[in-house]
Amino acid sequence: MKAETLAMLKKVSRDSKRYFETIAKGITLALWLFLLGFGALLAINGRASEIILNYFKGWDGGALHDTKTPQTPSGLLKAFQARMDNPPPIAALLEACLQKWTVKTESRSDEDYTTLFRRTSDRLRACVDDPQFDTTSSKISTDFVSSAFRDPGLPSDIPLTLELKTWIANQKDLAKTNASRTSLVDTFVLLIIIGAFGSLIFLTRDYMIEIASI
């Protein structure tokens, strides 16, 4: 009687262990299915390459801000660009339309300069992103200049200097290269996920057979 009871307890223990192992396998398969589906969605939307490339991309933010730098307009610009990734030629554009932007007056605060630098940076990047912008003929509107720096002599638009033309042209070429590279990365990730889905189908089949045998 005692031997039968012991054998029954061992069988219950084995069955319980198998039951919980089966549940764990099911949860693992469900988790893998979710992760693969999420990864496929990112690859289709072009986000997978953005995450991967940003993770492996080196920091190109320039030198750290030196707290001893005098708070002149040039010093403020250096601090503004210190942690930027590939900072645009803000000074070149400001010099083309604001001859005295480096002269700080009492009416212009540090926040005014930060706003000016941000708007200038946004305008240059907008020129890069605009497919209709031609560096050989297009001009840059000066409406990005904030009110603290506008004066009656400010022209409505300005021609591009050689430095601005070169930077915008280089950034447009770089954007095309990055588009091709990200498309390749997304395709590669999607192919890996499709292969993983194939393996998951076989694992799911084996799992269903295991459940049916319980």
N, C-alpha and C. Protein backbone atom coordinates (compact mmCIF):
# COMPACT_ATOMS: atom_id res chain seq x y z
N MET A 1 0.83 -1.21 0.00
CA MET A 1 0.00 0.00 0.00
C MET A 1 0.87 1.26 0.00
N LYS A 2 1.91 1.22 0.85
CA LYS A 2 2.80 2.36 0.94
C LYS A 2 3.56 2.55 -0.39
N ALA A 3 3.93 1.44 -1.05
CA ALA A 3 4.64 1.52 -2.32
C ALA A 3 3.74 2.10 -3.41
N GLU A 4 2.45 1.72 -3.40
CA GLU A 4 1.50 2.26 -4.38
C GLU A 4 1.31 3.76 -4.19
N THR A 5 1.23 4.15 -2.92
CA THR A 5 1.07 5.58 -2.62
C THR A 5 2.29 6.38 -3.08
N LEU A 6 3.48 5.83 -2.83
CA LEU A 6 4.70 6.49 -3.24
C LEU A 6 4.79 6.60 -4.76
N ALA A 7 4.38 5.52 -5.46
CA ALA A 7 4.39 5.55 -6.92
C ALA A 7 3.40 6.58 -7.45
N MET A 8 2.24 6.69 -6.79
CA MET A 8 1.23 7.66 -7.21
C MET A 8 1.73 9.09 -7.02
N LEU A 9 2.41 9.30 -5.89
CA LEU A 9 2.94 10.64 -5.64
C LEU A 9 4.00 11.02 -6.67
N LYS A 10 4.85 10.05 -7.04
CA LYS A 10 5.86 10.31 -8.05
C LYS A 10 5.22 10.64 -9.39
N LYS A 11 4.14 9.91 -9.73
CA LYS A 11 3.44 10.16 -11.00
C LYS A 11 2.81 11.55 -11.00
N VAL A 12 2.19 11.90 -9.86
CA VAL A 12 1.60 13.24 -9.76
C VAL A 12 2.67 14.31 -9.88
N SER A 13 3.84 14.06 -9.26
CA SER A 13 4.94 15.02 -9.33
C SER A 13 5.43 15.18 -10.77
N ARG A 14 5.57 14.04 -11.48
CA ARG A 14 6.03 14.11 -12.88
C ARG A 14 5.01 14.83 -13.74
N ASP A 15 3.73 14.50 -13.53
CA ASP A 15 2.68 15.14 -14.33
C ASP A 15 2.62 16.64 -14.07
N SER A 16 2.79 17.02 -12.79
CA SER A 16 2.75 18.45 -12.44
C SER A 16 3.93 19.18 -13.06
N LYS A 17 5.10 18.54 -12.98
CA LYS A 17 6.29 19.14 -13.57
C LYS A 17 6.12 19.30 -15.06
N ARG A 18 5.59 18.29 -15.73
CA ARG A 18 5.37 18.36 -17.17
C ARG A 18 4.35 19.43 -17.52
N TYR A 19 3.31 19.54 -16.66
CA TYR A 19 2.25 20.53 -16.89
C TYR A 19 2.83 21.95 -16.83
N PHE A 20 3.61 22.21 -15.78
CA PHE A 20 4.17 23.55 -15.63
C PHE A 20 5.22 23.85 -16.72
N GLU A 21 5.97 22.82 -17.13
CA GLU A 21 6.92 23.01 -18.23
C GLU A 21 6.19 23.35 -19.52
N THR A 22 5.04 22.71 -19.74
CA THR A 22 4.24 22.99 -20.93
C THR A 22 3.71 24.42 -20.91
N ILE A 23 3.26 24.87 -19.72
CA ILE A 23 2.78 26.25 -19.60
C ILE A 23 3.92 27.24 -19.86
N ALA A 24 5.10 26.93 -19.31
CA ALA A 24 6.25 27.81 -19.52
C ALA A 24 6.62 27.90 -21.00
N LYS A 25 6.56 26.76 -21.69
CA LYS A 25 6.85 26.76 -23.12
C LYS A 25 5.83 27.61 -23.88
N GLY A 26 4.57 27.50 -23.48
CA GLY A 26 3.53 28.30 -24.14
C GLY A 26 3.74 29.79 -23.95
N ILE A 27 4.10 30.17 -22.73
CA ILE A 27 4.35 31.58 -22.45
C ILE A 27 5.56 32.08 -23.25
N THR A 28 6.60 31.23 -23.32
CA THR A 28 7.79 31.61 -24.08
C THR A 28 7.47 31.78 -25.56
N LEU A 29 6.68 30.85 -26.12
CA LEU A 29 6.30 30.96 -27.53
C LEU A 29 5.47 32.22 -27.78
N ALA A 30 4.55 32.52 -26.85
CA ALA A 30 3.72 33.72 -27.00
C ALA A 30 4.57 34.98 -26.94
N LEU A 31 5.57 34.97 -26.03
CA LEU A 31 6.46 36.13 -25.92
C LEU A 31 7.29 36.31 -27.18
N TRP A 32 7.82 35.21 -27.73
CA TRP A 32 8.58 35.28 -28.96
C TRP A 32 7.71 35.77 -30.11
N LEU A 33 6.46 35.30 -30.14
CA LEU A 33 5.55 35.73 -31.20
C LEU A 33 5.31 37.23 -31.12
N PHE A 34 5.14 37.74 -29.90
CA PHE A 34 4.92 39.17 -29.71
C PHE A 34 6.15 39.97 -30.14
N LEU A 35 7.33 39.52 -29.71
CA LEU A 35 8.56 40.24 -30.04
C LEU A 35 8.83 40.23 -31.54
N LEU A 36 8.60 39.09 -32.19
CA LEU A 36 8.80 39.02 -33.63
C LEU A 36 7.81 39.90 -34.38
N GLY A 37 6.57 39.91 -33.93
CA GLY A 37 5.57 40.77 -34.56
C GLY A 37 5.90 42.23 -34.38
N PHE A 38 6.36 42.59 -33.18
CA PHE A 38 6.74 43.98 -32.91
C PHE A 38 7.94 44.37 -33.75
N GLY A 39 8.93 43.46 -33.86
CA GLY A 39 10.11 43.74 -34.68
C GLY A 39 9.75 43.89 -36.15
N ALA A 40 8.83 43.04 -36.63
CA ALA A 40 8.40 43.14 -38.03
C ALA A 40 7.70 44.46 -38.29
N LEU A 41 6.89 44.90 -37.32
CA LEU A 41 6.21 46.19 -37.47
C LEU A 41 7.20 47.34 -37.53
N LEU A 42 8.24 47.29 -36.68
CA LEU A 42 9.27 48.33 -36.71
C LEU A 42 10.01 48.33 -38.04
N ALA A 43 10.32 47.12 -38.57
CA ALA A 43 11.06 47.03 -39.83
C ALA A 43 10.22 47.56 -40.99
N ILE A 44 8.93 47.25 -40.99
CA ILE A 44 8.06 47.71 -42.07
C ILE A 44 7.92 49.22 -42.04
N ASN A 45 7.86 49.80 -40.84
CA ASN A 45 7.72 51.25 -40.70
C ASN A 45 9.04 52.00 -40.80
N GLY A 46 10.15 51.26 -40.97
CA GLY A 46 11.45 51.91 -41.09
C GLY A 46 12.05 52.34 -39.77
N ARG A 47 11.50 51.87 -38.65
CA ARG A 47 12.02 52.27 -37.34
C ARG A 47 13.13 51.36 -36.85
N ALA A 48 13.17 50.13 -37.33
CA ALA A 48 14.19 49.19 -36.86
C ALA A 48 15.59 49.71 -37.18
N SER A 49 15.78 50.20 -38.40
CA SER A 49 17.09 50.72 -38.79
C SER A 49 17.45 51.95 -37.97
N GLU A 50 16.47 52.77 -37.67
CA GLU A 50 16.74 53.98 -36.87
C GLU A 50 17.24 53.61 -35.49
N ILE A 51 16.61 52.60 -34.87
CA ILE A 51 17.02 52.17 -33.53
C ILE A 51 18.41 51.55 -33.56
N ILE A 52 18.64 50.68 -34.55
CA ILE A 52 19.93 49.97 -34.63
C ILE A 52 21.07 50.94 -34.95
N LEU A 53 20.87 51.81 -35.94
CA LEU A 53 21.94 52.71 -36.35
C LEU A 53 22.23 53.75 -35.27
N ASN A 54 21.21 54.21 -34.57
CA ASN A 54 21.44 55.17 -33.49
C ASN A 54 22.18 54.53 -32.33
N TYR A 55 21.95 53.22 -32.13
CA TYR A 55 22.63 52.53 -31.04
C TYR A 55 24.13 52.40 -31.32
N PHE A 56 24.48 52.12 -32.57
CA PHE A 56 25.88 51.90 -32.92
C PHE A 56 26.59 53.17 -33.38
N LYS A 57 25.85 54.26 -33.56
CA LYS A 57 26.45 55.49 -34.05
C LYS A 57 27.27 56.15 -32.97
N GLY A 58 28.47 56.60 -33.33
CA GLY A 58 29.34 57.27 -32.38
C GLY A 58 28.84 58.67 -32.09
N TRP A 59 29.25 59.20 -30.97
CA TRP A 59 28.83 60.56 -30.59
C TRP A 59 29.68 61.56 -31.34
N ASP A 60 29.02 62.49 -32.01
CA ASP A 60 29.73 63.51 -32.79
C ASP A 60 29.27 64.88 -32.35
N GLY A 61 29.33 65.10 -31.06
CA GLY A 61 28.78 66.33 -30.51
C GLY A 61 29.79 67.42 -30.26
N GLY A 62 31.05 67.20 -30.62
CA GLY A 62 32.05 68.22 -30.39
C GLY A 62 32.50 68.24 -28.95
N ALA A 63 33.23 69.28 -28.58
CA ALA A 63 33.77 69.38 -27.23
C ALA A 63 32.68 69.70 -26.23
N LEU A 64 32.89 69.31 -24.99
CA LEU A 64 31.94 69.65 -23.95
C LEU A 64 32.01 71.16 -23.67
N HIS A 65 30.89 71.65 -23.18
CA HIS A 65 30.82 73.09 -22.89
C HIS A 65 31.78 73.45 -21.76
N ASP A 66 32.57 74.42 -22.01
CA ASP A 66 33.50 74.90 -21.00
C ASP A 66 32.82 76.00 -20.20
N THR A 67 32.61 75.73 -18.91
CA THR A 67 31.90 76.71 -18.08
C THR A 67 32.69 78.00 -17.92
N LYS A 68 33.99 77.99 -18.26
CA LYS A 68 34.80 79.19 -18.14
C LYS A 68 34.70 80.08 -19.38
N THR A 69 34.03 79.59 -20.43
CA THR A 69 33.90 80.37 -21.65
C THR A 69 33.05 81.62 -21.38
N PRO A 70 33.52 82.79 -21.71
CA PRO A 70 32.72 84.00 -21.49
C PRO A 70 31.40 83.91 -22.27
N GLN A 71 30.35 84.46 -21.67
CA GLN A 71 29.03 84.40 -22.30
C GLN A 71 28.87 85.47 -23.37
N THR A 72 29.77 85.46 -24.31
CA THR A 72 29.64 86.30 -25.50
C THR A 72 28.74 85.56 -26.48
N PRO A 73 28.23 86.22 -27.53
CA PRO A 73 27.44 85.50 -28.53
C PRO A 73 28.18 84.31 -29.13
N SER A 74 29.47 84.46 -29.39
CA SER A 74 30.25 83.34 -29.93
C SER A 74 30.35 82.21 -28.91
N GLY A 75 30.53 82.57 -27.64
CA GLY A 75 30.58 81.56 -26.59
C GLY A 75 29.25 80.85 -26.42
N LEU A 76 28.16 81.60 -26.52
CA LEU A 76 26.84 81.00 -26.43
C LEU A 76 26.59 80.04 -27.59
N LEU A 77 27.05 80.41 -28.78
CA LEU A 77 26.89 79.53 -29.93
C LEU A 77 27.71 78.25 -29.75
N LYS A 78 28.92 78.40 -29.22
CA LYS A 78 29.75 77.22 -28.98
C LYS A 78 29.07 76.29 -27.99
N ALA A 79 28.48 76.85 -26.94
CA ALA A 79 27.78 76.03 -25.96
C ALA A 79 26.54 75.38 -26.58
N PHE A 80 25.86 76.11 -27.45
CA PHE A 80 24.65 75.58 -28.09
C PHE A 80 24.98 74.39 -28.99
N GLN A 81 26.12 74.47 -29.69
CA GLN A 81 26.49 73.42 -30.64
C GLN A 81 27.31 72.29 -30.01
N ALA A 82 27.67 72.45 -28.71
CA ALA A 82 28.61 71.53 -28.09
C ALA A 82 28.14 70.08 -28.16
N ARG A 83 26.87 69.83 -27.93
CA ARG A 83 26.37 68.45 -27.90
C ARG A 83 25.50 68.11 -29.11
N MET A 84 25.57 68.91 -30.13
CA MET A 84 24.78 68.64 -31.34
C MET A 84 25.47 67.61 -32.21
N ASP A 85 24.69 66.77 -32.84
CA ASP A 85 25.22 65.80 -33.78
C ASP A 85 25.32 66.45 -35.15
N ASN A 86 26.53 66.65 -35.63
CA ASN A 86 26.77 67.31 -36.91
C ASN A 86 26.10 68.68 -36.96
N PRO A 87 26.57 69.62 -36.16
CA PRO A 87 25.93 70.93 -36.09
C PRO A 87 26.01 71.67 -37.42
N PRO A 88 24.95 72.35 -37.82
CA PRO A 88 24.96 73.11 -39.07
C PRO A 88 25.77 74.40 -38.90
N PRO A 89 26.15 75.02 -40.02
CA PRO A 89 26.95 76.26 -39.97
C PRO A 89 26.08 77.46 -39.60
N ILE A 90 25.70 77.52 -38.34
CA ILE A 90 24.83 78.60 -37.88
C ILE A 90 25.50 79.95 -38.04
N ALA A 91 26.77 80.03 -37.66
CA ALA A 91 27.48 81.31 -37.74
C ALA A 91 27.55 81.82 -39.17
N ALA A 92 27.74 80.93 -40.13
CA ALA A 92 27.84 81.34 -41.54
C ALA A 92 26.54 81.98 -42.02
N LEU A 93 25.41 81.41 -41.63
CA LEU A 93 24.13 81.98 -42.05
C LEU A 93 23.86 83.30 -41.34
N LEU A 94 24.18 83.37 -40.06
CA LEU A 94 23.97 84.62 -39.32
C LEU A 94 24.84 85.75 -39.87
N GLU A 95 26.07 85.42 -40.21
CA GLU A 95 26.95 86.45 -40.77
C GLU A 95 26.48 86.93 -42.14
N ALA A 96 25.75 86.08 -42.84
CA ALA A 96 25.26 86.46 -44.16
C ALA A 96 24.07 87.42 -44.08
N CYS A 97 23.34 87.39 -42.96
CA CYS A 97 22.16 88.25 -42.88
C CYS A 97 22.20 89.23 -41.70
N LEU A 98 22.99 88.93 -40.67
CA LEU A 98 23.10 89.80 -39.51
C LEU A 98 24.57 90.13 -39.28
N GLN A 99 24.97 91.27 -39.74
CA GLN A 99 26.39 91.63 -39.69
C GLN A 99 26.89 91.77 -38.24
N LYS A 100 26.02 92.19 -37.34
CA LYS A 100 26.45 92.49 -35.98
C LYS A 100 25.84 91.54 -34.95
N TRP A 101 25.62 90.30 -35.34
CA TRP A 101 25.01 89.36 -34.39
C TRP A 101 25.96 89.02 -33.23
N THR A 102 27.25 89.21 -33.44
CA THR A 102 28.22 88.91 -32.38
C THR A 102 28.35 90.04 -31.36
N VAL A 103 27.68 91.15 -31.64
CA VAL A 103 27.73 92.28 -30.70
C VAL A 103 26.54 92.15 -29.75
N LYS A 104 26.84 91.86 -28.49
CA LYS A 104 25.77 91.66 -27.51
C LYS A 104 25.38 92.99 -26.89
N THR A 105 24.06 93.26 -26.86
CA THR A 105 23.53 94.48 -26.27
C THR A 105 22.70 94.11 -25.04
N GLU A 106 22.37 95.12 -24.25
CA GLU A 106 21.59 94.88 -23.03
C GLU A 106 20.19 94.37 -23.35
N SER A 107 19.68 94.72 -24.53
CA SER A 107 18.31 94.31 -24.87
C SER A 107 18.22 92.85 -25.33
N ARG A 108 19.38 92.21 -25.53
CA ARG A 108 19.38 90.82 -26.01
C ARG A 108 19.90 89.89 -24.92
N SER A 109 19.04 89.03 -24.43
CA SER A 109 19.41 88.11 -23.36
C SER A 109 20.01 86.84 -23.94
N ASP A 110 20.54 86.00 -23.06
CA ASP A 110 21.08 84.72 -23.50
C ASP A 110 19.98 83.86 -24.13
N GLU A 111 18.76 83.97 -23.58
CA GLU A 111 17.63 83.21 -24.14
C GLU A 111 17.31 83.67 -25.55
N ASP A 112 17.47 84.98 -25.81
CA ASP A 112 17.24 85.48 -27.17
C ASP A 112 18.21 84.85 -28.15
N TYR A 113 19.46 84.71 -27.74
CA TYR A 113 20.46 84.09 -28.61
C TYR A 113 20.17 82.60 -28.81
N THR A 114 19.76 81.94 -27.75
CA THR A 114 19.43 80.51 -27.88
C THR A 114 18.28 80.32 -28.86
N THR A 115 17.28 81.18 -28.76
CA THR A 115 16.15 81.10 -29.69
C THR A 115 16.61 81.35 -31.13
N LEU A 116 17.48 82.34 -31.30
CA LEU A 116 18.00 82.64 -32.64
C LEU A 116 18.79 81.45 -33.20
N PHE A 117 19.64 80.86 -32.39
CA PHE A 117 20.45 79.72 -32.85
C PHE A 117 19.56 78.54 -33.21
N ARG A 118 18.55 78.29 -32.40
CA ARG A 118 17.66 77.16 -32.67
C ARG A 118 16.88 77.37 -33.97
N ARG A 119 16.38 78.58 -34.16
CA ARG A 119 15.62 78.87 -35.39
C ARG A 119 16.53 78.82 -36.62
N THR A 120 17.77 79.28 -36.46
CA THR A 120 18.72 79.22 -37.58
C THR A 120 19.04 77.77 -37.94
N SER A 121 19.28 76.95 -36.91
CA SER A 121 19.56 75.53 -37.13
C SER A 121 18.38 74.84 -37.81
N ASP A 122 17.17 75.13 -37.34
CA ASP A 122 15.97 74.52 -37.93
C ASP A 122 15.82 74.92 -39.40
N ARG A 123 16.13 76.19 -39.72
CA ARG A 123 15.99 76.64 -41.10
C ARG A 123 16.99 75.93 -42.01
N LEU A 124 18.21 75.77 -41.56
CA LEU A 124 19.22 75.08 -42.38
C LEU A 124 18.84 73.61 -42.59
N ARG A 125 18.36 72.96 -41.56
CA ARG A 125 17.96 71.55 -41.71
C ARG A 125 16.72 71.42 -42.58
N ALA A 126 15.85 72.44 -42.54
CA ALA A 126 14.67 72.44 -43.42
C ALA A 126 15.09 72.54 -44.88
N CYS A 127 16.13 73.32 -45.15
CA CYS A 127 16.66 73.42 -46.52
C CYS A 127 17.18 72.07 -47.01
N VAL A 128 17.80 71.33 -46.11
CA VAL A 128 18.31 70.00 -46.46
C VAL A 128 17.16 69.05 -46.75
N ASP A 129 16.10 69.12 -45.95
CA ASP A 129 14.97 68.20 -46.09
C ASP A 129 14.06 68.55 -47.26
N ASP A 130 14.14 69.80 -47.74
CA ASP A 130 13.27 70.23 -48.83
C ASP A 130 13.82 69.72 -50.17
N PRO A 131 13.10 68.80 -50.85
CA PRO A 131 13.61 68.27 -52.12
C PRO A 131 13.64 69.32 -53.23
N GLN A 132 12.88 70.41 -53.09
CA GLN A 132 12.82 71.45 -54.11
C GLN A 132 13.93 72.50 -53.92
N PHE A 133 14.65 72.42 -52.82
CA PHE A 133 15.67 73.44 -52.54
C PHE A 133 16.91 73.14 -53.38
N ASP A 134 17.29 74.12 -54.22
CA ASP A 134 18.44 73.96 -55.12
C ASP A 134 19.55 74.89 -54.65
N THR A 135 20.68 74.34 -54.32
CA THR A 135 21.79 75.15 -53.80
C THR A 135 22.36 76.11 -54.83
N THR A 136 22.08 75.88 -56.11
CA THR A 136 22.65 76.76 -57.15
C THR A 136 21.79 77.99 -57.39
N SER A 137 20.51 77.93 -57.06
CA SER A 137 19.63 79.06 -57.38
C SER A 137 18.76 79.52 -56.21
N SER A 138 18.48 78.66 -55.26
CA SER A 138 17.57 79.02 -54.17
C SER A 138 18.22 80.00 -53.21
N LYS A 139 17.36 80.77 -52.57
CA LYS A 139 17.79 81.69 -51.52
C LYS A 139 17.12 81.29 -50.21
N ILE A 140 17.66 81.77 -49.11
CA ILE A 140 17.10 81.47 -47.80
C ILE A 140 16.35 82.68 -47.28
N SER A 141 15.09 82.47 -46.94
CA SER A 141 14.30 83.56 -46.37
C SER A 141 14.81 83.89 -44.97
N THR A 142 14.76 85.16 -44.64
CA THR A 142 15.26 85.59 -43.33
C THR A 142 14.14 85.66 -42.28
N ASP A 143 12.99 85.05 -42.57
CA ASP A 143 11.90 85.10 -41.59
C ASP A 143 12.21 84.27 -40.35
N PHE A 144 13.30 83.51 -40.36
CA PHE A 144 13.68 82.74 -39.17
C PHE A 144 14.30 83.64 -38.10
N VAL A 145 14.74 84.85 -38.48
CA VAL A 145 15.37 85.76 -37.53
C VAL A 145 14.34 86.22 -36.51
N SER A 146 14.61 85.98 -35.25
CA SER A 146 13.65 86.34 -34.19
C SER A 146 13.58 87.86 -34.03
N SER A 147 12.52 88.29 -33.39
CA SER A 147 12.21 89.73 -33.31
C SER A 147 13.31 90.53 -32.60
N ALA A 148 14.01 89.92 -31.66
CA ALA A 148 15.05 90.65 -30.93
C ALA A 148 16.21 91.06 -31.83
N PHE A 149 16.32 90.44 -33.02
CA PHE A 149 17.45 90.72 -33.90
C PHE A 149 17.03 91.34 -35.24
N ARG A 150 15.75 91.52 -35.42
CA ARG A 150 15.29 92.09 -36.70
C ARG A 150 15.47 93.60 -36.70
N ASP A 151 15.86 94.13 -37.85
CA ASP A 151 15.98 95.58 -38.01
C ASP A 151 15.47 95.95 -39.40
N PRO A 152 15.18 97.23 -39.65
CA PRO A 152 14.61 97.63 -40.94
C PRO A 152 15.49 97.28 -42.14
N GLY A 153 16.79 97.15 -41.94
CA GLY A 153 17.67 96.87 -43.07
C GLY A 153 17.82 95.39 -43.39
N LEU A 154 17.12 94.53 -42.67
CA LEU A 154 17.24 93.09 -42.90
C LEU A 154 16.56 92.71 -44.21
N PRO A 155 17.27 92.09 -45.16
CA PRO A 155 16.66 91.70 -46.43
C PRO A 155 15.67 90.56 -46.23
N SER A 156 14.74 90.41 -47.15
CA SER A 156 13.72 89.36 -47.03
C SER A 156 14.30 87.98 -47.29
N ASP A 157 15.33 87.91 -48.13
CA ASP A 157 16.03 86.65 -48.35
C ASP A 157 17.48 86.94 -48.74
N ILE A 158 18.30 85.92 -48.60
CA ILE A 158 19.73 86.10 -48.89
C ILE A 158 20.23 84.95 -49.76
N PRO A 159 21.21 85.22 -50.62
CA PRO A 159 21.81 84.14 -51.42
C PRO A 159 22.71 83.29 -50.55
N LEU A 160 22.96 82.09 -50.99
CA LEU A 160 23.80 81.17 -50.23
C LEU A 160 25.27 81.49 -50.42
N THR A 161 26.01 81.47 -49.33
CA THR A 161 27.46 81.58 -49.42
C THR A 161 28.02 80.21 -49.80
N LEU A 162 29.28 80.17 -50.15
CA LEU A 162 29.91 78.90 -50.55
C LEU A 162 29.86 77.88 -49.41
N GLU A 163 30.08 78.34 -48.19
CA GLU A 163 30.05 77.42 -47.04
C GLU A 163 28.66 76.81 -46.86
N LEU A 164 27.63 77.65 -47.01
CA LEU A 164 26.26 77.15 -46.87
C LEU A 164 25.90 76.19 -48.00
N LYS A 165 26.29 76.53 -49.22
CA LYS A 165 26.03 75.65 -50.36
C LYS A 165 26.68 74.28 -50.15
N THR A 166 27.93 74.31 -49.71
CA THR A 166 28.67 73.07 -49.52
C THR A 166 28.03 72.21 -48.45
N TRP A 167 27.66 72.82 -47.32
CA TRP A 167 27.08 72.05 -46.22
C TRP A 167 25.72 71.45 -46.62
N ILE A 168 24.87 72.26 -47.24
CA ILE A 168 23.54 71.76 -47.63
C ILE A 168 23.66 70.65 -48.67
N ALA A 169 24.54 70.83 -49.65
CA ALA A 169 24.73 69.80 -50.68
C ALA A 169 25.26 68.51 -50.06
N ASN A 170 26.22 68.64 -49.15
CA ASN A 170 26.77 67.45 -48.50
C ASN A 170 25.73 66.73 -47.66
N GLN A 171 24.89 67.50 -46.98
CA GLN A 171 23.86 66.90 -46.14
C GLN A 171 22.78 66.21 -46.98
N LYS A 172 22.47 66.78 -48.13
CA LYS A 172 21.51 66.13 -49.03
C LYS A 172 22.06 64.79 -49.54
N ASP A 173 23.34 64.79 -49.92
CA ASP A 173 23.96 63.54 -50.36
C ASP A 173 24.00 62.52 -49.22
N LEU A 174 24.30 63.00 -48.02
CA LEU A 174 24.36 62.11 -46.87
C LEU A 174 22.98 61.53 -46.56
N ALA A 175 21.93 62.35 -46.73
CA ALA A 175 20.57 61.88 -46.48
C ALA A 175 20.19 60.76 -47.45
N LYS A 176 20.61 60.91 -48.72
CA LYS A 176 20.32 59.86 -49.71
C LYS A 176 21.06 58.57 -49.35
N THR A 177 22.31 58.71 -48.92
CA THR A 177 23.09 57.53 -48.53
C THR A 177 22.47 56.85 -47.32
N ASN A 178 22.05 57.65 -46.35
CA ASN A 178 21.43 57.09 -45.15
C ASN A 178 20.10 56.41 -45.47
N ALA A 179 19.35 56.98 -46.42
CA ALA A 179 18.08 56.37 -46.81
C ALA A 179 18.30 54.98 -47.40
N SER A 180 19.32 54.85 -48.24
CA SER A 180 19.63 53.54 -48.82
C SER A 180 20.11 52.57 -47.75
N ARG A 181 20.93 53.09 -46.83
CA ARG A 181 21.47 52.22 -45.77
C ARG A 181 20.36 51.75 -44.84
N THR A 182 19.47 52.66 -44.44
CA THR A 182 18.39 52.27 -43.53
C THR A 182 17.42 51.31 -44.20
N SER A 183 17.18 51.51 -45.50
CA SER A 183 16.30 50.59 -46.22
C SER A 183 16.90 49.19 -46.24
N LEU A 184 18.22 49.10 -46.43
CA LEU A 184 18.89 47.79 -46.44
C LEU A 184 18.82 47.14 -45.07
N VAL A 185 19.02 47.92 -44.01
CA VAL A 185 18.96 47.38 -42.65
C VAL A 185 17.55 46.88 -42.33
N ASP A 186 16.53 47.67 -42.70
CA ASP A 186 15.15 47.25 -42.46
C ASP A 186 14.82 45.96 -43.20
N THR A 187 15.28 45.85 -44.45
CA THR A 187 15.03 44.64 -45.22
C THR A 187 15.72 43.44 -44.58
N PHE A 188 16.96 43.63 -44.12
CA PHE A 188 17.70 42.55 -43.48
C PHE A 188 17.00 42.09 -42.20
N VAL A 189 16.55 43.05 -41.39
CA VAL A 189 15.84 42.71 -40.16
C VAL A 189 14.55 41.97 -40.47
N LEU A 190 13.83 42.42 -41.49
CA LEU A 190 12.57 41.78 -41.86
C LEU A 190 12.81 40.34 -42.32
N LEU A 191 13.88 40.10 -43.08
CA LEU A 191 14.20 38.75 -43.53
C LEU A 191 14.53 37.84 -42.35
N ILE A 192 15.27 38.37 -41.39
CA ILE A 192 15.58 37.59 -40.19
C ILE A 192 14.31 37.22 -39.44
N ILE A 193 13.40 38.18 -39.32
CA ILE A 193 12.15 37.93 -38.60
C ILE A 193 11.29 36.91 -39.34
N ILE A 194 11.25 36.99 -40.66
CA ILE A 194 10.48 36.01 -41.44
C ILE A 194 11.04 34.60 -41.21
N GLY A 195 12.38 34.48 -41.22
CA GLY A 195 13.00 33.19 -40.94
C GLY A 195 12.66 32.70 -39.55
N ALA A 196 12.66 33.62 -38.57
CA ALA A 196 12.32 33.24 -37.20
C ALA A 196 10.87 32.80 -37.09
N PHE A 197 9.99 33.45 -37.85
CA PHE A 197 8.58 33.04 -37.87
C PHE A 197 8.45 31.60 -38.38
N GLY A 198 9.26 31.24 -39.41
CA GLY A 198 9.23 29.87 -39.92
C GLY A 198 9.60 28.87 -38.85
N SER A 199 10.65 29.17 -38.08
CA SER A 199 11.05 28.29 -36.98
C SER A 199 9.98 28.23 -35.90
N LEU A 200 9.34 29.38 -35.66
CA LEU A 200 8.30 29.43 -34.63
C LEU A 200 7.11 28.56 -35.00
N ILE A 201 6.81 28.44 -36.28
CA ILE A 201 5.69 27.59 -36.72
C ILE A 201 5.93 26.14 -36.32
N PHE A 202 7.16 25.65 -36.54
CA PHE A 202 7.48 24.28 -36.17
C PHE A 202 7.46 24.09 -34.65
N LEU A 203 7.97 25.06 -33.92
CA LEU A 203 7.94 24.97 -32.46
C LEU A 203 6.51 24.96 -31.94
N THR A 204 5.65 25.77 -32.56
CA THR A 204 4.25 25.81 -32.15
C THR A 204 3.56 24.48 -32.45
N ARG A 205 3.90 23.88 -33.60
CA ARG A 205 3.32 22.58 -33.94
C ARG A 205 3.71 21.52 -32.90
N ASP A 206 4.99 21.47 -32.53
CA ASP A 206 5.45 20.53 -31.52
C ASP A 206 4.78 20.79 -30.18
N TYR A 207 4.56 22.06 -29.89
CA TYR A 207 3.91 22.42 -28.63
C TYR A 207 2.46 21.93 -28.60
N MET A 208 1.76 22.10 -29.71
CA MET A 208 0.38 21.65 -29.76
C MET A 208 0.30 20.13 -29.65
N ILE A 209 1.25 19.42 -30.24
CA ILE A 209 1.28 17.96 -30.12
C ILE A 209 1.52 17.57 -28.66
N GLU A 210 2.40 18.32 -28.00
CA GLU A 210 2.69 18.03 -26.60
C GLU A 210 1.46 18.25 -25.73
N ILE A 211 0.72 19.32 -26.01
CA ILE A 211 -0.50 19.58 -25.24
C ILE A 211 -1.52 18.48 -25.44
N ALA A 212 -1.64 18.03 -26.70
CA ALA A 212 -2.64 16.99 -26.98
C ALA A 212 -2.31 15.67 -26.28
N SER A 213 -1.04 15.46 -25.96
CA SER A 213 -0.63 14.19 -25.34
C SER A 213 -0.77 14.22 -23.83
N ILE A 214 -1.07 15.41 -23.29
CA ILE A 214 -1.21 15.49 -21.82
C ILE A 214 -2.53 14.86 -21.36
